[in-house]
N, C-alpha and C. Protein backbone atom coordinates (compact mmCIF):
# COMPACT_ATOMS: atom_id res chain seq x y z
N MET A 1 -63.20 52.23 40.84
CA MET A 1 -61.39 51.78 40.95
C MET A 1 -61.72 50.70 39.46
N ALA A 2 -60.94 51.07 39.18
CA ALA A 2 -60.37 49.85 36.84
C ALA A 2 -59.95 48.88 37.70
N LYS A 3 -60.83 47.65 37.00
CA LYS A 3 -60.11 46.34 37.42
C LYS A 3 -59.07 45.87 36.74
N ARG A 4 -58.53 45.14 37.05
CA ARG A 4 -56.72 45.06 36.20
C ARG A 4 -57.66 43.91 35.26
N LYS A 5 -56.15 43.69 34.01
CA LYS A 5 -56.40 42.94 32.97
C LYS A 5 -55.88 41.82 33.56
N LYS A 6 -56.64 40.84 33.08
CA LYS A 6 -55.76 39.19 33.50
C LYS A 6 -54.14 38.79 32.46
N THR A 7 -53.28 38.45 32.70
CA THR A 7 -52.59 37.94 31.82
C THR A 7 -52.30 37.44 31.23
N PRO A 8 -52.35 37.26 29.92
CA PRO A 8 -53.47 36.72 28.44
C PRO A 8 -52.36 35.41 28.97
N LYS A 9 -53.42 33.99 28.51
CA LYS A 9 -52.75 32.44 28.65
C LYS A 9 -51.68 32.30 27.74
N TYR A 10 -51.27 32.95 26.97
CA TYR A 10 -49.72 32.92 26.37
C TYR A 10 -49.13 33.15 27.14
N LEU A 11 -49.52 34.59 27.97
CA LEU A 11 -47.58 34.67 28.84
C LEU A 11 -47.36 34.30 30.27
N ARG A 12 -48.72 33.66 30.23
CA ARG A 12 -49.01 32.71 31.85
C ARG A 12 -48.16 31.09 31.13
N ASP A 13 -48.55 30.28 29.96
CA ASP A 13 -47.65 29.20 29.49
C ASP A 13 -46.03 29.60 29.64
N GLU A 14 -45.57 30.71 28.71
CA GLU A 14 -44.45 31.30 29.38
C GLU A 14 -44.09 31.18 30.61
N GLN A 15 -44.95 31.93 31.35
CA GLN A 15 -44.40 32.72 32.59
C GLN A 15 -44.64 31.02 33.73
N GLY A 16 -44.32 29.95 32.87
CA GLY A 16 -45.06 28.60 34.01
C GLY A 16 -46.45 28.99 35.22
N LEU A 17 -46.70 29.86 34.35
CA LEU A 17 -48.00 30.36 35.73
C LEU A 17 -49.62 29.43 34.98
N VAL A 18 -49.18 28.88 34.39
CA VAL A 18 -50.82 28.44 34.06
C VAL A 18 -51.53 27.44 35.07
N GLY A 19 -52.52 27.33 35.88
CA GLY A 19 -52.72 26.71 37.41
C GLY A 19 -51.78 27.39 37.77
N LYS A 20 -51.41 28.31 38.29
CA LYS A 20 -51.02 29.00 39.73
C LYS A 20 -51.41 30.29 39.56
N LYS A 21 -52.25 31.21 39.97
CA LYS A 21 -52.77 32.16 40.41
C LYS A 21 -50.88 33.39 39.70
N ALA A 22 -51.53 33.88 38.94
CA ALA A 22 -50.46 34.87 38.09
C ALA A 22 -50.45 36.40 39.10
N CYS A 23 -49.01 36.61 39.39
CA CYS A 23 -48.68 37.73 39.46
C CYS A 23 -49.62 38.96 38.89
N GLN A 24 -50.00 39.19 39.48
CA GLN A 24 -50.74 41.40 38.75
C GLN A 24 -50.40 42.01 39.05
N SER A 25 -50.27 43.06 39.10
CA SER A 25 -49.19 44.59 39.11
C SER A 25 -50.41 44.89 39.26
N ASN A 26 -50.58 46.51 40.21
CA ASN A 26 -51.64 47.09 39.50
C ASN A 26 -51.70 47.90 38.88
N THR A 27 -50.95 47.83 37.55
CA THR A 27 -51.56 48.72 36.37
C THR A 27 -52.87 47.63 34.89
N LEU A 28 -53.12 48.67 34.22
CA LEU A 28 -53.83 48.41 33.60
C LEU A 28 -53.22 47.72 31.92
N ALA A 29 -51.74 48.73 32.25
CA ALA A 29 -51.22 47.82 30.83
C ALA A 29 -50.81 46.71 30.53
N GLU A 30 -50.66 46.07 29.48
CA GLU A 30 -50.77 45.10 28.60
C GLU A 30 -48.92 44.49 29.37
N PRO A 31 -49.30 43.33 29.59
CA PRO A 31 -47.32 42.64 30.32
C PRO A 31 -46.25 43.38 29.23
N ALA A 32 -45.21 43.50 29.88
CA ALA A 32 -43.19 43.87 28.84
C ALA A 32 -43.04 42.73 28.35
N ILE A 33 -43.45 41.86 29.25
CA ILE A 33 -42.60 40.87 28.69
C ILE A 33 -42.05 40.19 27.14
N GLN A 34 -43.02 41.01 26.72
CA GLN A 34 -43.21 40.80 25.36
C GLN A 34 -42.71 42.03 24.67
N TYR A 35 -41.95 42.60 25.52
CA TYR A 35 -41.02 43.79 24.55
C TYR A 35 -40.17 43.24 25.09
N LEU A 36 -39.52 42.81 26.13
CA LEU A 36 -37.76 43.07 26.79
C LEU A 36 -37.25 42.48 26.26
N GLU A 37 -37.45 41.00 25.90
CA GLU A 37 -36.00 40.71 25.02
C GLU A 37 -35.37 41.07 24.10
N PRO A 38 -35.89 41.53 23.17
CA PRO A 38 -35.65 42.18 22.17
C PRO A 38 -34.42 43.61 22.93
N GLN A 39 -35.45 44.38 23.74
CA GLN A 39 -34.30 45.24 24.36
C GLN A 39 -33.26 44.65 25.48
N ARG A 40 -33.20 43.38 25.58
CA ARG A 40 -31.98 43.19 26.06
C ARG A 40 -30.66 42.64 25.79
N LEU A 41 -31.52 41.56 23.89
CA LEU A 41 -30.14 42.04 23.01
C LEU A 41 -29.67 42.66 22.41
N LEU A 42 -30.46 43.74 22.56
CA LEU A 42 -29.99 45.02 21.04
C LEU A 42 -28.78 46.18 22.04
N SER A 43 -28.88 45.83 23.57
CA SER A 43 -27.63 46.19 24.26
C SER A 43 -26.49 45.04 24.76
N ALA A 44 -27.09 43.82 24.15
CA ALA A 44 -25.83 42.93 24.48
C ALA A 44 -25.13 42.46 23.46
N THR A 45 -23.47 42.25 23.78
CA THR A 45 -22.74 42.03 22.70
C THR A 45 -22.13 40.49 21.90
N LEU A 46 -22.05 40.23 21.35
CA LEU A 46 -22.16 38.81 20.87
C LEU A 46 -21.19 37.52 21.47
N SER A 47 -20.21 38.73 22.79
CA SER A 47 -19.12 38.33 23.27
C SER A 47 -20.43 37.27 24.09
N SER A 48 -20.88 38.52 25.26
CA SER A 48 -22.33 37.81 26.39
C SER A 48 -23.35 37.32 26.06
N LEU A 49 -23.68 37.29 24.81
CA LEU A 49 -24.12 36.53 23.80
C LEU A 49 -23.90 34.85 23.73
N LEU A 50 -23.01 35.07 23.31
CA LEU A 50 -22.44 33.01 23.23
C LEU A 50 -21.63 32.61 24.13
N LYS A 51 -21.81 34.33 25.48
CA LYS A 51 -21.18 33.95 27.18
C LYS A 51 -19.88 32.91 26.58
N GLU A 52 -18.88 33.99 26.20
CA GLU A 52 -17.74 33.87 26.19
C GLU A 52 -16.65 34.57 25.32
N ARG A 53 -15.57 34.63 25.90
CA ARG A 53 -14.16 36.13 25.09
C ARG A 53 -14.32 35.47 23.88
N TRP A 54 -13.47 36.13 23.89
CA TRP A 54 -11.90 35.76 22.23
C TRP A 54 -11.12 35.41 22.53
N GLU A 55 -11.27 33.81 21.92
CA GLU A 55 -9.88 32.88 22.65
C GLU A 55 -8.68 33.31 21.22
N GLY A 56 -7.85 33.20 21.79
CA GLY A 56 -6.36 33.47 21.23
C GLY A 56 -6.06 35.26 20.55
N GLU A 57 -5.09 35.47 19.70
CA GLU A 57 -4.62 36.81 19.42
C GLU A 57 -5.67 37.82 18.79
N THR A 58 -5.44 38.67 18.66
CA THR A 58 -6.08 39.83 18.86
C THR A 58 -5.66 39.43 16.74
N PRO A 59 -6.58 39.53 16.03
CA PRO A 59 -6.85 39.52 14.11
C PRO A 59 -5.78 40.70 13.84
N SER A 60 -4.66 40.07 13.26
CA SER A 60 -4.14 41.13 12.18
C SER A 60 -4.38 41.30 10.90
N PRO A 61 -3.93 41.99 10.70
CA PRO A 61 -3.85 42.37 9.00
C PRO A 61 -3.49 41.64 7.90
N GLU A 62 -2.87 40.63 7.78
CA GLU A 62 -2.43 39.93 7.70
C GLU A 62 -3.93 38.48 7.41
N ASP A 63 -4.79 38.75 9.09
CA ASP A 63 -5.96 37.63 8.87
C ASP A 63 -6.60 37.95 7.60
N SER A 64 -7.52 36.79 7.46
CA SER A 64 -8.79 36.95 6.56
C SER A 64 -9.61 37.95 6.75
N TYR A 65 -10.14 37.91 5.71
CA TYR A 65 -11.71 38.60 6.37
C TYR A 65 -11.95 38.50 7.84
N PRO A 66 -13.11 37.76 7.66
CA PRO A 66 -14.09 37.06 8.27
C PRO A 66 -13.27 36.51 9.51
N VAL A 67 -11.90 36.00 10.45
CA VAL A 67 -11.81 36.53 11.29
C VAL A 67 -11.74 37.90 11.84
N ARG A 68 -11.48 39.21 10.72
CA ARG A 68 -11.11 40.07 11.47
C ARG A 68 -12.37 40.57 11.50
N HIS A 69 -12.94 40.26 10.77
CA HIS A 69 -14.57 40.72 11.10
C HIS A 69 -15.40 40.27 12.07
N LEU A 70 -15.25 39.49 12.85
CA LEU A 70 -16.34 38.42 13.43
C LEU A 70 -15.36 38.90 15.16
N TYR A 71 -13.85 39.80 14.97
CA TYR A 71 -13.58 40.02 15.88
C TYR A 71 -13.85 41.33 16.16
N ALA A 72 -14.10 42.06 15.38
CA ALA A 72 -14.98 43.59 15.51
C ALA A 72 -16.32 43.50 15.87
N LEU A 73 -17.05 42.45 15.87
CA LEU A 73 -18.19 42.46 16.41
C LEU A 73 -18.77 42.15 17.26
N TYR A 74 -17.72 40.66 18.24
CA TYR A 74 -16.78 40.37 19.29
C TYR A 74 -18.06 41.28 20.62
N ASN A 75 -17.51 42.52 20.38
CA ASN A 75 -17.48 42.98 21.96
C ASN A 75 -18.03 44.31 21.55
N THR A 76 -18.83 44.58 19.81
CA THR A 76 -19.88 45.32 19.54
C THR A 76 -21.45 44.95 20.36
N ARG A 77 -22.44 46.44 20.69
CA ARG A 77 -23.64 45.74 20.97
C ARG A 77 -24.47 46.01 19.65
N ILE A 78 -25.10 45.24 20.07
CA ILE A 78 -25.76 44.73 18.59
C ILE A 78 -26.66 45.80 17.39
N SER A 79 -27.26 46.63 18.26
CA SER A 79 -28.39 47.86 18.90
C SER A 79 -27.11 48.58 17.28
N GLU A 80 -25.59 48.84 16.88
CA GLU A 80 -24.74 49.28 16.51
C GLU A 80 -24.36 48.56 14.97
N TYR A 81 -24.61 47.51 15.51
CA TYR A 81 -24.64 46.36 14.01
C TYR A 81 -26.11 46.94 12.66
N THR A 82 -24.76 46.63 11.27
CA THR A 82 -25.27 47.03 10.39
C THR A 82 -26.27 45.72 9.56
N ILE A 83 -26.97 46.10 8.98
CA ILE A 83 -27.76 44.76 7.20
C ILE A 83 -25.99 43.72 7.38
N GLU A 84 -25.14 44.09 7.00
CA GLU A 84 -24.38 43.52 6.42
C GLU A 84 -23.94 42.73 7.80
N ASP A 85 -23.54 43.52 9.16
CA ASP A 85 -22.92 42.73 10.34
C ASP A 85 -24.33 41.19 10.01
N PHE A 86 -25.44 41.29 10.57
CA PHE A 86 -26.41 41.13 10.78
C PHE A 86 -26.58 39.43 9.44
N ARG A 87 -25.53 39.84 8.07
CA ARG A 87 -25.79 39.05 7.04
C ARG A 87 -24.90 38.39 7.34
N PHE A 88 -23.17 38.60 7.47
CA PHE A 88 -22.11 37.73 7.11
C PHE A 88 -22.33 37.24 9.32
N LEU A 89 -23.32 37.19 9.97
CA LEU A 89 -22.54 36.11 11.11
C LEU A 89 -24.00 35.18 10.09
N ILE A 90 -25.00 35.62 9.91
CA ILE A 90 -26.02 34.15 9.24
C ILE A 90 -25.26 33.17 8.95
N ASN A 91 -24.54 33.96 7.90
CA ASN A 91 -23.90 33.49 6.84
C ASN A 91 -22.74 32.49 7.13
N GLN A 92 -22.38 33.35 8.55
CA GLN A 92 -20.84 31.90 8.84
C GLN A 92 -22.16 30.94 10.15
N ASN A 93 -22.98 31.29 10.64
CA ASN A 93 -24.50 30.74 10.99
C ASN A 93 -23.60 30.43 13.18
N ILE A 94 -23.33 31.94 12.69
CA ILE A 94 -22.81 32.73 14.73
C ILE A 94 -24.30 32.91 14.90
N ALA A 95 -23.98 32.72 15.99
CA ALA A 95 -25.60 32.83 17.36
C ALA A 95 -26.75 33.24 16.42
N LEU A 96 -26.86 32.14 15.53
CA LEU A 96 -28.36 32.60 14.73
C LEU A 96 -29.38 32.34 15.98
N GLU A 97 -29.71 31.55 17.13
CA GLU A 97 -31.14 31.40 17.69
C GLU A 97 -31.39 32.74 18.30
N HIS A 98 -29.61 33.33 18.08
CA HIS A 98 -30.20 34.86 18.70
C HIS A 98 -30.55 36.13 17.65
N ILE A 99 -28.86 35.69 16.24
CA ILE A 99 -29.63 36.68 15.48
C ILE A 99 -30.75 36.52 14.75
N MET A 100 -31.38 35.72 14.19
CA MET A 100 -32.35 35.14 12.98
C MET A 100 -33.69 36.23 14.10
N PRO A 101 -33.73 36.43 14.63
CA PRO A 101 -35.06 36.73 15.40
C PRO A 101 -34.86 38.54 15.27
N LEU A 102 -33.38 39.14 15.34
CA LEU A 102 -33.70 40.56 14.53
C LEU A 102 -33.50 40.01 14.05
N ALA A 103 -33.19 39.63 12.77
CA ALA A 103 -33.21 39.93 11.03
C ALA A 103 -34.54 39.11 10.53
N LEU A 104 -35.44 38.35 10.96
CA LEU A 104 -36.35 38.64 10.41
C LEU A 104 -37.33 39.66 10.79
N GLU A 105 -36.86 40.62 11.98
CA GLU A 105 -37.64 41.63 12.11
C GLU A 105 -37.29 42.44 11.08
N ILE A 106 -36.22 42.38 10.58
CA ILE A 106 -35.49 43.25 9.86
C ILE A 106 -35.74 42.93 8.46
N LEU A 107 -35.95 41.54 8.04
CA LEU A 107 -36.60 41.82 6.93
C LEU A 107 -38.38 42.11 6.92
N THR A 108 -39.40 41.89 8.09
CA THR A 108 -40.31 42.29 8.16
C THR A 108 -40.87 43.79 7.72
N LYS A 109 -39.40 44.99 8.39
CA LYS A 109 -39.48 46.00 7.61
C LYS A 109 -39.36 46.43 6.02
N ASN A 110 -38.62 45.25 6.51
CA ASN A 110 -37.42 45.87 4.63
C ASN A 110 -37.41 44.59 3.72
N ILE A 111 -38.17 43.68 3.15
CA ILE A 111 -37.86 42.03 2.81
C ILE A 111 -36.76 42.77 1.89
N PHE A 112 -36.28 43.64 1.48
CA PHE A 112 -34.95 44.21 0.54
C PHE A 112 -33.44 44.45 1.38
N ALA A 113 -33.76 44.75 1.89
CA ALA A 113 -33.10 44.54 3.18
C ALA A 113 -31.24 44.24 2.49
N SER A 114 -30.78 44.89 2.34
CA SER A 114 -29.18 44.78 2.57
C SER A 114 -27.93 45.43 2.56
N GLY A 115 -27.16 44.41 2.45
CA GLY A 115 -25.64 44.69 3.32
C GLY A 115 -24.95 45.05 2.71
N ASP A 116 -23.95 44.59 1.75
CA ASP A 116 -22.61 44.96 0.89
C ASP A 116 -22.62 44.79 -0.28
N PHE A 117 -24.00 43.35 -0.44
CA PHE A 117 -24.17 43.02 -1.94
C PHE A 117 -25.04 43.44 -2.78
N TYR A 118 -25.76 42.94 -3.01
CA TYR A 118 -27.07 43.31 -3.88
C TYR A 118 -28.72 42.95 -2.38
N ASP A 119 -29.57 44.09 -3.74
CA ASP A 119 -31.07 43.83 -2.56
C ASP A 119 -31.27 42.69 -1.88
N GLY A 120 -31.52 42.41 -1.41
CA GLY A 120 -32.44 41.20 -0.60
C GLY A 120 -31.08 40.54 0.29
N ASP A 121 -30.58 40.55 0.28
CA ASP A 121 -28.86 40.08 0.18
C ASP A 121 -28.76 39.45 2.06
N LEU A 122 -30.25 39.89 3.14
CA LEU A 122 -30.31 39.59 4.13
C LEU A 122 -30.85 38.46 3.80
N LEU A 123 -32.40 38.42 2.89
CA LEU A 123 -33.23 37.33 3.43
C LEU A 123 -32.64 36.05 2.77
N ASN A 124 -31.86 36.11 1.75
CA ASN A 124 -30.82 35.13 0.94
C ASN A 124 -30.39 34.25 2.13
N ALA A 125 -29.27 35.02 2.83
CA ALA A 125 -28.41 34.77 4.22
C ALA A 125 -29.27 33.56 4.53
N ALA A 126 -30.79 34.14 5.00
CA ALA A 126 -31.63 33.45 6.08
C ALA A 126 -32.11 32.77 5.52
N LEU A 127 -32.38 33.36 4.18
CA LEU A 127 -33.09 31.57 3.18
C LEU A 127 -32.38 30.05 3.32
N THR A 128 -31.19 30.54 3.56
CA THR A 128 -29.96 29.17 3.22
C THR A 128 -29.75 29.10 4.40
N VAL A 129 -30.17 29.45 5.39
CA VAL A 129 -29.74 29.29 6.41
C VAL A 129 -29.61 27.60 7.22
N PRO A 130 -29.36 26.58 7.59
CA PRO A 130 -28.92 25.16 7.02
C PRO A 130 -30.44 25.05 8.31
N ASP A 131 -30.68 23.40 7.83
CA ASP A 131 -32.05 22.98 7.88
C ASP A 131 -33.04 22.44 9.18
N SER A 132 -31.63 22.12 9.65
CA SER A 132 -31.27 21.57 11.13
C SER A 132 -31.56 23.45 12.36
N PHE A 133 -31.41 24.11 11.89
CA PHE A 133 -32.13 25.75 12.35
C PHE A 133 -33.22 25.74 12.54
N TRP A 134 -33.74 25.67 11.46
CA TRP A 134 -35.38 25.79 11.43
C TRP A 134 -36.23 24.78 11.94
N LYS A 135 -35.62 23.50 11.57
CA LYS A 135 -35.80 22.29 12.56
C LYS A 135 -36.60 22.81 14.16
N GLU A 136 -35.21 22.75 14.68
CA GLU A 136 -35.32 23.23 16.60
C GLU A 136 -36.18 24.81 16.61
N ASN A 137 -36.56 25.53 15.57
CA ASN A 137 -36.91 26.77 16.51
C ASN A 137 -38.51 26.62 14.31
N PRO A 138 -39.84 26.48 14.99
CA PRO A 138 -40.23 25.66 13.90
C PRO A 138 -40.70 27.55 14.03
N LEU A 139 -41.51 28.39 15.42
CA LEU A 139 -41.65 29.48 15.41
C LEU A 139 -41.32 30.17 14.10
N MET A 140 -40.18 30.03 14.36
CA MET A 140 -39.30 31.25 12.73
C MET A 140 -39.74 30.24 11.60
N TYR A 141 -39.35 30.02 11.87
CA TYR A 141 -39.51 28.85 10.42
C TYR A 141 -40.75 29.40 10.08
N ALA A 142 -41.94 29.25 10.76
CA ALA A 142 -43.17 29.51 10.43
C ALA A 142 -43.78 30.93 10.34
N SER A 143 -43.31 31.67 10.59
CA SER A 143 -43.25 33.30 10.73
C SER A 143 -42.19 33.56 9.33
N MET A 144 -40.66 33.36 8.76
CA MET A 144 -40.11 33.11 8.18
C MET A 144 -40.84 33.46 6.36
N LYS A 145 -42.10 32.49 6.41
CA LYS A 145 -42.21 30.89 5.80
C LYS A 145 -44.00 32.80 5.50
N GLU A 146 -44.90 33.02 6.92
CA GLU A 146 -45.81 33.91 6.48
C GLU A 146 -45.05 34.77 5.70
N LEU A 147 -43.70 35.12 6.42
CA LEU A 147 -43.38 36.72 5.76
C LEU A 147 -43.12 36.79 3.73
N LEU A 148 -42.54 35.33 3.74
CA LEU A 148 -42.57 35.17 2.71
C LEU A 148 -44.12 35.37 1.04
N GLU A 149 -45.24 34.30 1.81
CA GLU A 149 -45.93 34.39 1.97
C GLU A 149 -46.65 36.09 2.11
N ARG A 150 -46.49 36.82 2.69
CA ARG A 150 -46.81 38.21 2.68
C ARG A 150 -46.25 38.74 1.98
N GLN A 151 -45.45 38.85 1.29
CA GLN A 151 -44.95 39.47 0.55
C GLN A 151 -44.16 39.41 -1.18
N LYS A 152 -45.28 37.92 -1.04
CA LYS A 152 -44.81 37.64 -2.70
C LYS A 152 -45.01 37.79 -3.21
N ASP A 153 -45.77 39.84 -3.80
CA ASP A 153 -46.10 40.16 -4.94
C ASP A 153 -45.15 40.84 -4.87
N SER A 154 -44.28 41.80 -3.92
CA SER A 154 -43.27 42.90 -4.25
C SER A 154 -42.01 41.98 -4.55
N LEU A 155 -42.00 40.32 -3.57
CA LEU A 155 -40.73 39.77 -4.12
C LEU A 155 -41.48 39.06 -6.11
N ASP A 156 -42.07 38.80 -6.08
CA ASP A 156 -42.57 38.68 -7.45
C ASP A 156 -41.84 39.29 -9.02
N SER A 157 -42.41 40.98 -8.28
CA SER A 157 -42.21 42.01 -8.80
C SER A 157 -40.86 43.16 -8.70
N ASN A 158 -40.11 42.68 -7.86
CA ASN A 158 -39.26 43.20 -7.60
C ASN A 158 -37.64 42.79 -7.62
N MET A 159 -37.87 41.40 -7.55
CA MET A 159 -36.56 40.20 -7.17
C MET A 159 -35.76 39.74 -8.71
N GLU A 160 -34.48 40.61 -9.08
CA GLU A 160 -34.21 40.81 -9.96
C GLU A 160 -33.26 39.48 -10.55
N ILE A 161 -32.74 39.08 -8.98
CA ILE A 161 -31.69 38.06 -9.17
C ILE A 161 -31.65 36.84 -9.09
N LYS A 162 -31.71 35.99 -9.93
CA LYS A 162 -32.23 34.79 -10.06
C LYS A 162 -32.23 33.82 -8.93
N SER A 163 -30.85 34.01 -8.88
CA SER A 163 -30.35 32.58 -7.67
C SER A 163 -31.08 33.06 -6.38
N VAL A 164 -31.89 34.08 -5.76
CA VAL A 164 -32.24 35.12 -4.75
C VAL A 164 -33.71 34.05 -4.86
N ARG A 165 -34.49 34.27 -6.66
CA ARG A 165 -35.78 33.47 -6.81
C ARG A 165 -36.05 31.83 -6.67
N ARG A 166 -34.28 31.52 -6.82
CA ARG A 166 -34.41 30.09 -6.57
C ARG A 166 -34.83 29.95 -5.47
N THR A 167 -33.70 30.33 -4.30
CA THR A 167 -33.34 30.23 -2.81
C THR A 167 -35.50 30.44 -1.34
N ILE A 168 -35.80 31.21 -2.52
CA ILE A 168 -36.59 31.11 -1.85
C ILE A 168 -37.35 30.23 -1.85
N SER A 169 -37.65 29.55 -3.78
CA SER A 169 -38.64 28.34 -4.13
C SER A 169 -38.40 27.61 -3.34
N ASP A 170 -36.95 26.92 -2.96
CA ASP A 170 -36.28 26.17 -2.72
C ASP A 170 -37.57 25.90 -0.78
N PHE A 171 -36.37 27.17 -0.31
CA PHE A 171 -36.84 27.58 1.06
C PHE A 171 -38.91 26.84 0.79
N LEU A 172 -39.31 27.36 0.33
CA LEU A 172 -40.79 28.03 0.62
C LEU A 172 -41.48 25.82 -0.33
N ASN A 173 -40.26 25.47 -0.69
CA ASN A 173 -40.52 23.78 -0.96
C ASN A 173 -40.50 22.79 -0.58
N THR A 174 -39.90 23.13 0.11
CA THR A 174 -38.65 22.53 1.02
C THR A 174 -39.43 22.25 2.82
N ASN A 175 -40.18 21.25 2.91
CA ASN A 175 -40.79 20.72 4.60
C ASN A 175 -39.27 20.62 5.73
N LYS A 176 -39.48 21.94 6.49
CA LYS A 176 -39.06 21.29 7.61
C LYS A 176 -39.50 20.81 8.36
């Protein structure tokens, strides 16, 4: 009979199982908990993440683009979002605690992911998130900093837009 794997300490800590006997399943596979939240997020809508419905009337063509776009995103599954949608929400500081982890995942796979404006505009949006967000989310800050340091050569050789270079420099040189 195969021996069951013990739940890693970092997962027991997250599950509040340190000091208690962790529930062991009959499988040898690693725990699924580390994969579940992103899947839950991708099937969610902005409305469900924020736990609120759209207040007010449906925007008309006369309303501003941000209002109309936010309304369109409110009941759209996150799995259907474009890079531009992530960039938009980040620039509007909407649901950052849910959107930023997914944006970091996108940036890890493509540091130059672009919305509607220029290569790297998602990165630029992520780097201009308020300092208060990074202070409240030090692990995400560390992930972003590590990503930038890991991609430094690629960023230096491919980043043509001076404002993005400046934003990267400001981010790396600011103590969050």
